[in-house]
Protein backbone atom coordinates (compact mmCIF):
# COMPACT_ATOMS: atom_id res chain seq x y z
CA MET A 1 -1.31 -3.85 1.26
CA PHE A 2 -4.79 -3.19 -0.09
CA GLU A 3 -7.84 -5.40 -0.38
CA LEU A 4 -10.92 -4.89 -2.54
CA SER A 5 -13.71 -6.84 -0.85
CA ASN A 6 -17.17 -6.66 -2.39
CA ASP A 7 -17.98 -2.95 -2.31
CA THR A 8 -15.20 -1.69 0.00
CA LEU A 9 -11.49 -0.92 -0.43
CA PHE A 10 -9.40 -1.61 2.71
CA ARG A 11 -5.77 -0.86 3.63
CA HIS A 12 -4.11 -3.44 5.87
CA GLY A 13 -0.77 -1.64 6.20
CA GLU A 14 2.53 -1.01 4.48
CA ILE A 15 6.08 -2.38 4.39
CA SER A 16 9.34 -0.45 3.98
CA ILE A 17 12.50 -2.48 3.36
CA LEU A 18 15.90 -0.79 3.49
CA THR A 19 19.40 -2.32 3.44
CA GLU A 20 19.59 -3.25 7.12
CA SER A 21 16.12 -2.47 8.45
CA GLN A 22 12.50 -3.33 7.78
CA ARG A 23 9.44 -1.38 8.90
CA TYR A 24 6.01 -3.00 9.09
CA LYS A 25 2.87 -0.96 9.71
CA HIS A 26 -0.37 -2.85 9.99
CA ASN A 27 -3.88 -1.87 10.92
CA VAL A 28 -6.07 -3.68 13.41
CA LEU A 29 -8.80 -3.88 11.99
CA PRO A 30 -8.09 -2.88 8.37
CA ASP A 31 -8.61 0.81 7.55
CA ARG A 32 -11.81 1.24 5.48
CA LEU A 33 -10.70 3.55 2.69
CA VAL A 34 -13.82 3.92 0.54
CA GLU A 35 -17.11 2.17 -0.14
CA PHE A 36 -18.39 1.86 -3.68
CA PRO A 37 -20.07 3.33 -5.54
CA ALA A 38 -17.85 6.27 -4.62
CA GLU A 39 -19.58 9.61 -5.14
CA TYR A 40 -18.33 13.17 -5.36
CA ASN A 41 -18.79 15.20 -2.15
CA SER A 42 -19.38 12.19 0.12
CA SER A 43 -17.47 12.16 3.42
CA TRP A 44 -16.88 9.93 6.45
CA GLU A 45 -14.79 9.70 9.60
CA GLY A 46 -13.27 6.81 11.49
CA THR A 47 -10.53 5.47 13.71
CA PHE A 48 -8.21 2.46 13.49
CA LEU A 49 -5.33 0.99 15.48
CA GLU A 50 -1.99 1.21 13.67
CA THR A 51 0.93 -0.92 14.87
CA ASP A 52 4.37 0.15 13.64
CA THR A 53 7.31 -2.26 14.13
CA THR A 54 10.92 -1.63 13.02
CA TYR A 55 13.42 -4.50 12.69
CA ILE A 56 17.17 -4.05 12.37
CA ASN A 57 19.15 -7.14 11.32
CA GLY A 58 16.07 -9.24 12.02
CA LEU A 59 15.51 -8.02 15.59
CA PRO A 60 12.60 -5.77 16.62
CA THR A 61 14.00 -2.44 17.80
CA ASN A 62 10.91 -0.25 18.01
CA ILE A 63 7.24 -1.14 18.43
CA GLU A 64 4.53 1.52 18.59
CA ALA A 65 0.75 1.26 18.58
CA ILE A 66 -1.47 4.30 18.16
CA ILE A 67 -5.12 4.91 17.51
CA ARG A 68 -5.39 7.04 14.36
CA ALA A 69 -8.38 9.30 13.76
CA LYS A 70 -9.14 10.32 10.20
CA ALA A 71 -11.64 12.28 8.13
CA THR A 72 -12.16 11.64 4.41
CA ILE A 73 -13.99 13.66 1.77
CA ILE A 74 -14.26 13.03 -1.96
CA ASP A 75 -13.64 16.65 -2.90
CA GLY A 76 -12.58 16.66 -6.52
CA TYR A 77 -13.07 15.26 -9.99
CA GLY A 78 -10.83 15.68 -13.01
CA THR A 79 -8.12 14.23 -15.23
CA LEU A 80 -5.07 12.50 -13.76
CA LYS A 81 -2.04 12.34 -16.06
CA VAL A 82 0.36 9.46 -15.28
CA SER A 83 3.17 8.25 -17.57
CA GLY A 84 1.55 9.63 -20.71
CA TYR A 85 -1.94 8.31 -19.87
CA ASN A 86 -5.00 10.35 -18.94
CA PHE A 87 -7.49 8.96 -16.41
CA GLU A 88 -10.75 10.47 -15.25
CA CYS A 89 -10.64 10.25 -11.47
CA LEU A 90 -12.10 11.21 -8.13
CA ARG A 91 -9.87 12.88 -5.52
CA MET A 92 -10.21 11.89 -1.87
CA LYS A 93 -8.65 14.10 0.79
CA ARG A 94 -7.82 12.22 4.02
CA THR A 95 -6.79 14.22 7.08
CA TYR A 96 -5.36 12.49 10.15
CA SER A 97 -5.81 14.25 13.49
CA ASN A 98 -3.90 11.78 15.65
CA PRO A 99 -0.99 11.69 16.31
CA GLU A 100 0.07 15.31 16.32
CA PRO A 101 1.27 16.91 14.16
CA ALA A 102 -1.45 15.92 11.75
CA ASP A 103 -0.83 14.92 8.14
CA LYS A 104 -2.97 14.53 5.04
CA GLU A 105 -3.14 12.39 1.95
CA TYR A 106 -4.68 12.89 -1.45
CA TRP A 107 -6.01 9.74 -3.11
CA TYR A 108 -6.63 9.85 -6.87
CA LEU A 109 -8.88 6.91 -7.76
CA THR A 110 -9.68 5.99 -11.38
CA GLN A 111 -12.22 3.65 -12.92
CA GLU A 112 -9.32 1.72 -14.49
CA GLY A 113 -8.13 0.70 -11.01
CA VAL A 114 -5.24 3.15 -10.62
CA LEU A 115 -4.82 4.59 -7.13
CA LEU A 116 -2.24 7.35 -6.67
CA ILE A 117 -1.58 8.43 -3.07
CA VAL A 118 0.26 11.69 -2.36
CA ASN A 119 1.23 12.43 1.27
CA GLY A 120 1.90 15.84 2.75
CA ALA A 121 1.81 17.86 5.95
CA VAL A 122 -1.55 19.28 6.99
CA VAL A 123 0.03 22.75 7.15
CA GLU A 124 0.74 22.63 3.40
CA PRO A 125 -1.79 24.35 1.10
CA ASP A 126 -4.21 22.23 -0.97
CA THR A 127 -3.25 23.93 -4.25
CA GLY A 128 -0.15 25.39 -5.86
CA VAL A 129 3.38 24.24 -5.07
CA VAL A 130 3.37 21.88 -2.08
CA GLN A 131 5.99 19.80 -0.24
CA ILE A 132 5.31 16.10 -0.95
CA GLN A 133 6.41 13.56 1.66
CA ASN A 134 5.59 10.31 -0.15
CA VAL A 135 3.90 8.99 -3.32
CA VAL A 136 2.39 5.50 -3.80
CA LEU A 137 1.00 4.14 -7.09
CA PHE A 138 -1.25 1.08 -6.93
CA GLN A 139 -3.08 -0.59 -9.81
CA GLU A 140 -5.81 -3.22 -9.49
CA GLN A 141 -8.29 -4.66 -11.96
CA GLN A 142 -10.93 -2.40 -13.54
CA LEU A 143 -13.18 -0.76 -10.97
CA ASP A 144 -16.68 -0.46 -12.42
CA LEU A 145 -17.84 0.95 -9.11
CA LEU A 146 -17.04 4.66 -9.39
CA GLN A 147 -19.76 7.19 -10.08
CA ILE A 148 -17.75 9.52 -12.34
């Protein structure tokens, strides 16, 4: 669940729905992902409260709340190839230091509004063959806010 508000992209949380269970993660307050115009080599840090609730057959079975600490840097620029299309994009590397063990995400953000998120363990290298934990593809209206 993302929101583009004026010059800032926020993440409110995520939902996972399986056959008999649902998992809802939401952020209090929303996680500030990036402010526009986004520029290569800019970086920022922050914290947010993440609440994670699992329901099985409609009943809450697990509720956790943790304060997540993160560091973000726009560390790359290049061409993203998705489903036969080429997009010029910025790459944001987000590293989470809480909870342990830490994890990291790579966000590929294009001017056309495509956001590709690739999750992995912080112990994985940044280049070469890496173990991917999760991939999310999100597309919004044209973003004329990137400095590419």
